Amino acid sequence: MQDWFAVDDLDVERLLVEWRWLCKEPMRLIARTVFGDLFLSDESGHVHQLDVAIGKLTKLANSEAEFRELALSPKGQEEWFAVADERAAIARGLEPNHTQCIGFSVPLVFSESGSPETAYVADLYEQVSFLGDLNHQIADLPEGAKVRLRAEPKT
């Protein structure tokens, strides 16, 4: 299990560049999961989880101290850091380093995803950026809408 709070050398602005549509105000990175989800503190000190898989920003705690305390609990570790899934990925040989995360060949936002066999080790910045762009493009679609992916260079 990696140290979720060892994030001081990660560039939060680079991680959030494709998420500014959802994270509009300045944020400070305080933790991350092995799957690329980010825990961010806003200017008021509130802690939010950016679930990069589904494109959702959720307030979790009123302060970093409160968040860290809750994160130590078994419930917090499982709900926020997916420790069982992290252990299962490591058992399958997926052990990302500090600037990597576990991604899925079919993003989890799609119903066709979710198979552990589609997991791979990805660059953290590339994965978070890709998912920010993808989730932005589909943010206004109703749940269950059909989409067709087409890769094109950004202009």
C-alpha atoms as a PDB file:
ATOM      1  CA  MET A   1       0.000   0.000   0.000  1.00  0.00           C
ATOM      2  CA  GLN A   2       1.493   3.312  -1.045  1.00  0.00           C
ATOM      3  CA  ASP A   3       1.571   6.446   1.070  1.00  0.00           C
ATOM      4  CA  TRP A   4      -1.549   8.286  -0.090  1.00  0.00           C
ATOM      5  CA  PHE A   5      -0.399  11.532   1.496  1.00  0.00           C
ATOM      6  CA  ALA A   6       3.052  11.653  -0.187  1.00  0.00           C
ATOM      7  CA  VAL A   7       2.009  14.196  -2.808  1.00  0.00           C
ATOM      8  CA  ASP A   8       4.207  17.240  -2.174  1.00  0.00           C
ATOM      9  CA  ASP A   9       6.237  16.711  -5.349  1.00  0.00           C
ATOM     10  CA  LEU A  10       3.175  16.326  -7.599  1.00  0.00           C
ATOM     11  CA  ASP A  11       2.077  19.344  -9.644  1.00  0.00           C
ATOM     12  CA  VAL A  12      -1.565  20.011  -8.724  1.00  0.00           C
ATOM     13  CA  GLU A  13      -2.002  22.590 -11.483  1.00  0.00           C
ATOM     14  CA  ARG A  14      -0.844  20.079 -14.089  1.00  0.00           C
ATOM     15  CA  LEU A  15      -3.161  17.429 -12.629  1.00  0.00           C
ATOM     16  CA  LEU A  16      -6.154  19.775 -12.682  1.00  0.00           C
ATOM     17  CA  VAL A  17      -5.654  21.454 -16.061  1.00  0.00           C
ATOM     18  CA  GLU A  18      -8.408  19.333 -17.682  1.00  0.00           C
ATOM     19  CA  TRP A  19     -10.586  19.521 -14.563  1.00  0.00           C
ATOM     20  CA  ARG A  20     -10.978  23.304 -14.267  1.00  0.00           C
ATOM     21  CA  TRP A  21     -14.527  22.935 -15.595  1.00  0.00           C
ATOM     22  CA  LEU A  22     -15.308  21.157 -12.297  1.00  0.00           C
ATOM     23  CA  CYS A  23     -12.592  22.499  -9.941  1.00  0.00           C
ATOM     24  CA  LYS A  24     -12.925  26.193 -10.635  1.00  0.00           C
ATOM     25  CA  GLU A  25     -11.172  27.604  -7.567  1.00  0.00           C
ATOM     26  CA  PRO A  26      -7.542  27.120  -6.494  1.00  0.00           C
ATOM     27  CA  MET A  27      -6.982  23.776  -4.773  1.00  0.00           C
ATOM     28  CA  ARG A  28      -4.126  22.189  -2.874  1.00  0.00           C
ATOM     29  CA  LEU A  29      -3.416  18.482  -3.315  1.00  0.00           C
ATOM     30  CA  ILE A  30      -3.311  16.627  -0.001  1.00  0.00           C
ATOM     31  CA  ALA A  31      -3.655  12.966  -1.017  1.00  0.00           C
ATOM     32  CA  ARG A  32      -4.318  10.621  -3.935  1.00  0.00           C
ATOM     33  CA  THR A  33      -5.368   7.042  -4.525  1.00  0.00           C
ATOM     34  CA  VAL A  34      -3.610   4.356  -6.504  1.00  0.00           C
ATOM     35  CA  PHE A  35      -6.434   4.776  -9.062  1.00  0.00           C
ATOM     36  CA  GLY A  36      -5.722   8.489  -9.595  1.00  0.00           C
ATOM     37  CA  ASP A  37      -8.501  10.004  -7.499  1.00  0.00           C
ATOM     38  CA  LEU A  38      -7.400  13.251  -5.879  1.00  0.00           C
ATOM     39  CA  PHE A  39      -8.110  14.718  -2.456  1.00  0.00           C
ATOM     40  CA  LEU A  40      -8.015  18.492  -2.596  1.00  0.00           C
ATOM     41  CA  SER A  41      -8.257  21.288  -0.071  1.00  0.00           C
ATOM     42  CA  ASP A  42      -9.964  24.501  -1.148  1.00  0.00           C
ATOM     43  CA  GLU A  43      -9.123  28.001   0.083  1.00  0.00           C
ATOM     44  CA  SER A  44     -11.566  27.576   2.993  1.00  0.00           C
ATOM     45  CA  GLY A  45      -9.770  24.416   4.112  1.00  0.00           C
ATOM     46  CA  HIS A  46     -12.573  22.055   3.121  1.00  0.00           C
ATOM     47  CA  VAL A  47     -11.423  18.725   1.694  1.00  0.00           C
ATOM     48  CA  HIS A  48     -12.956  17.376  -1.507  1.00  0.00           C
ATOM     49  CA  GLN A  49     -12.549  14.144  -3.402  1.00  0.00           C
ATOM     50  CA  LEU A  50     -12.157  14.389  -7.167  1.00  0.00           C
ATOM     51  CA  ASP A  51     -13.331  11.030  -8.450  1.00  0.00           C
ATOM     52  CA  VAL A  52     -11.590  11.019 -11.809  1.00  0.00           C
ATOM     53  CA  ALA A  53     -13.347   7.858 -12.980  1.00  0.00           C
ATOM     54  CA  ILE A  54     -16.818   9.383 -12.988  1.00  0.00           C
ATOM     55  CA  GLY A  55     -16.052  13.109 -12.993  1.00  0.00           C
ATOM     56  CA  LYS A  56     -17.446  14.041  -9.606  1.00  0.00           C
ATOM     57  CA  LEU A  57     -16.186  16.465  -6.949  1.00  0.00           C
ATOM     58  CA  THR A  58     -17.508  15.725  -3.455  1.00  0.00           C
ATOM     59  CA  LYS A  59     -16.889  17.569  -0.182  1.00  0.00           C
ATOM     60  CA  LEU A  60     -15.667  15.081   2.442  1.00  0.00           C
ATOM     61  CA  ALA A  61     -14.521  17.086   5.438  1.00  0.00           C
ATOM     62  CA  ASN A  62     -14.419  20.604   6.862  1.00  0.00           C
ATOM     63  CA  SER A  63     -10.653  20.490   7.427  1.00  0.00           C
ATOM     64  CA  GLU A  64      -7.552  18.530   6.523  1.00  0.00           C
ATOM     65  CA  ALA A  65      -7.207  17.369  10.136  1.00  0.00           C
ATOM     66  CA  GLU A  66     -10.762  15.995  10.082  1.00  0.00           C
ATOM     67  CA  PHE A  67     -10.106  14.305   6.734  1.00  0.00           C
ATOM     68  CA  ARG A  68      -6.872  12.694   7.943  1.00  0.00           C
ATOM     69  CA  GLU A  69      -8.620  11.368  11.035  1.00  0.00           C
ATOM     70  CA  LEU A  70     -11.479   9.905   8.985  1.00  0.00           C
ATOM     71  CA  ALA A  71      -9.007   8.489   6.456  1.00  0.00           C
ATOM     72  CA  LEU A  72      -7.405   6.391   9.198  1.00  0.00           C
ATOM     73  CA  SER A  73     -10.661   4.550   9.853  1.00  0.00           C
ATOM     74  CA  PRO A  74     -11.312   1.253   8.040  1.00  0.00           C
ATOM     75  CA  LYS A  75     -14.465   2.779   6.516  1.00  0.00           C
ATOM     76  CA  GLY A  76     -12.587   5.830   5.228  1.00  0.00           C
ATOM     77  CA  GLN A  77      -9.786   3.714   3.831  1.00  0.00           C
ATOM     78  CA  GLU A  78     -12.149   1.465   1.940  1.00  0.00           C
ATOM     79  CA  GLU A  79     -14.626   4.115   0.798  1.00  0.00           C
ATOM     80  CA  TRP A  80     -12.087   6.743  -0.263  1.00  0.00           C
ATOM     81  CA  PHE A  81      -8.911   4.785  -1.005  1.00  0.00           C
ATOM     82  CA  ALA A  82     -10.428   1.456  -2.166  1.00  0.00           C
ATOM     83  CA  VAL A  83      -7.848  -0.548  -0.207  1.00  0.00           C
ATOM     84  CA  ALA A  84      -9.353  -3.929  -1.129  1.00  0.00           C
ATOM     85  CA  ASP A  85      -9.202  -3.046  -4.826  1.00  0.00           C
ATOM     86  CA  GLU A  86      -5.685  -1.673  -4.362  1.00  0.00           C
ATOM     87  CA  ARG A  87      -4.547  -4.931  -2.727  1.00  0.00           C
ATOM     88  CA  ALA A  88      -6.187  -6.984  -5.481  1.00  0.00           C
ATOM     89  CA  ALA A  89      -4.412  -4.927  -8.150  1.00  0.00           C
ATOM     90  CA  ILE A  90      -1.064  -5.380  -6.417  1.00  0.00           C
ATOM     91  CA  ALA A  91      -1.716  -9.130  -6.207  1.00  0.00           C
ATOM     92  CA  ARG A  92      -2.191  -9.078 -10.008  1.00  0.00           C
ATOM     93  CA  GLY A  93       1.196  -7.393 -10.399  1.00  0.00           C
ATOM     94  CA  LEU A  94      -0.034  -3.827 -10.856  1.00  0.00           C
ATOM     95  CA  GLU A  95       2.230  -1.727  -8.659  1.00  0.00           C
ATOM     96  CA  PRO A  96       2.358   1.870  -9.902  1.00  0.00           C
ATOM     97  CA  ASN A  97       5.134   4.125  -8.699  1.00  0.00           C
ATOM     98  CA  HIS A  98       4.626   7.624  -7.296  1.00  0.00           C
ATOM     99  CA  THR A  99       3.890   9.246 -10.666  1.00  0.00           C
ATOM    100  CA  GLN A 100       1.743   6.406 -11.970  1.00  0.00           C
ATOM    101  CA  CYS A 101      -1.725   5.101 -11.240  1.00  0.00           C
ATOM    102  CA  ILE A 102      -3.939   2.208 -12.251  1.00  0.00           C
ATOM    103  CA  GLY A 103      -6.073   2.927 -15.278  1.00  0.00           C
ATOM    104  CA  PHE A 104      -8.574   0.874 -17.249  1.00  0.00           C
ATOM    105  CA  SER A 105      -8.562   0.337 -21.001  1.00  0.00           C
ATOM    106  CA  VAL A 106     -12.298   1.060 -20.940  1.00  0.00           C
ATOM    107  CA  PRO A 107     -12.819   4.002 -18.547  1.00  0.00           C
ATOM    108  CA  LEU A 108     -14.954   3.197 -15.503  1.00  0.00           C
ATOM    109  CA  VAL A 109     -17.492   5.877 -16.433  1.00  0.00           C
ATOM    110  CA  PHE A 110     -18.740   3.475 -19.132  1.00  0.00           C
ATOM    111  CA  SER A 111     -20.962   0.523 -18.215  1.00  0.00           C
ATOM    112  CA  GLU A 112     -18.778  -1.774 -20.329  1.00  0.00           C
ATOM    113  CA  SER A 113     -15.866  -1.231 -17.974  1.00  0.00           C
ATOM    114  CA  GLY A 114     -15.114  -2.607 -14.564  1.00  0.00           C
ATOM    115  CA  SER A 115     -13.268  -5.777 -15.425  1.00  0.00           C
ATOM    116  CA  PRO A 116     -10.032  -6.091 -13.436  1.00  0.00           C
ATOM    117  CA  GLU A 117      -8.456  -7.675 -16.512  1.00  0.00           C
ATOM    118  CA  THR A 118      -8.586  -4.308 -18.307  1.00  0.00           C
ATOM    119  CA  ALA A 119      -6.464  -2.603 -15.631  1.00  0.00           C
ATOM    120  CA  TYR A 120      -2.956  -1.385 -16.416  1.00  0.00           C
ATOM    121  CA  VAL A 121      -0.322   0.941 -14.958  1.00  0.00           C
ATOM    122  CA  ALA A 122      -0.634   4.435 -16.456  1.00  0.00           C
ATOM    123  CA  ASP A 123       1.159   7.746 -16.125  1.00  0.00           C
ATOM    124  CA  LEU A 124      -0.731   9.690 -13.431  1.00  0.00           C
ATOM    125  CA  TYR A 125      -0.704  13.015 -15.289  1.00  0.00           C
ATOM    126  CA  GLU A 126      -1.790  11.503 -18.603  1.00  0.00           C
ATOM    127  CA  GLN A 127      -4.557   9.411 -17.013  1.00  0.00           C
ATOM    128  CA  VAL A 128      -5.989  12.227 -14.893  1.00  0.00           C
ATOM    129  CA  SER A 129      -5.827  14.613 -17.855  1.00  0.00           C
ATOM    130  CA  PHE A 130      -7.487  12.142 -20.229  1.00  0.00           C
ATOM    131  CA  LEU A 131     -10.296  11.424 -17.764  1.00  0.00           C
ATOM    132  CA  GLY A 132     -10.829  15.144 -17.113  1.00  0.00           C
ATOM    133  CA  ASP A 133     -11.263  15.794 -20.824  1.00  0.00           C
ATOM    134  CA  LEU A 134     -13.480  12.732 -21.307  1.00  0.00           C
ATOM    135  CA  ASN A 135     -15.726  13.499 -18.341  1.00  0.00           C
ATOM    136  CA  HIS A 136     -16.041  17.129 -19.445  1.00  0.00           C
ATOM    137  CA  GLN A 137     -17.254  16.023 -22.871  1.00  0.00           C
ATOM    138  CA  ILE A 138     -19.937  13.720 -21.436  1.00  0.00           C
ATOM    139  CA  ALA A 139     -20.867  15.749 -18.325  1.00  0.00           C
ATOM    140  CA  ASP A 140     -24.197  16.946 -19.711  1.00  0.00           C
ATOM    141  CA  LEU A 141     -25.331  13.582 -21.085  1.00  0.00           C
ATOM    142  CA  PRO A 142     -28.043  11.691 -19.212  1.00  0.00           C
ATOM    143  CA  GLU A 143     -27.052   8.570 -17.280  1.00  0.00           C
ATOM    144  CA  GLY A 144     -26.940   5.566 -19.594  1.00  0.00           C
ATOM    145  CA  ALA A 145     -26.605   7.640 -22.769  1.00  0.00           C
ATOM    146  CA  LYS A 146     -24.816   5.936 -25.621  1.00  0.00           C
ATOM    147  CA  VAL A 147     -21.599   7.545 -26.789  1.00  0.00           C
ATOM    148  CA  ARG A 148     -19.117   6.870 -29.531  1.00  0.00           C
ATOM    149  CA  LEU A 149     -15.476   7.644 -28.830  1.00  0.00           C
ATOM    150  CA  ARG A 150     -13.464   9.249 -31.574  1.00  0.00           C
ATOM    151  CA  ALA A 151      -9.853  10.199 -30.938  1.00  0.00           C
ATOM    152  CA  GLU A 152      -8.800  13.448 -32.553  1.00  0.00           C
ATOM    153  CA  PRO A 153      -5.851  15.735 -31.906  1.00  0.00           C
ATOM    154  CA  LYS A 154      -6.660  18.728 -29.714  1.00  0.00           C
ATOM    155  CA  THR A 155      -6.607  22.043 -31.490  1.00  0.00           C
END
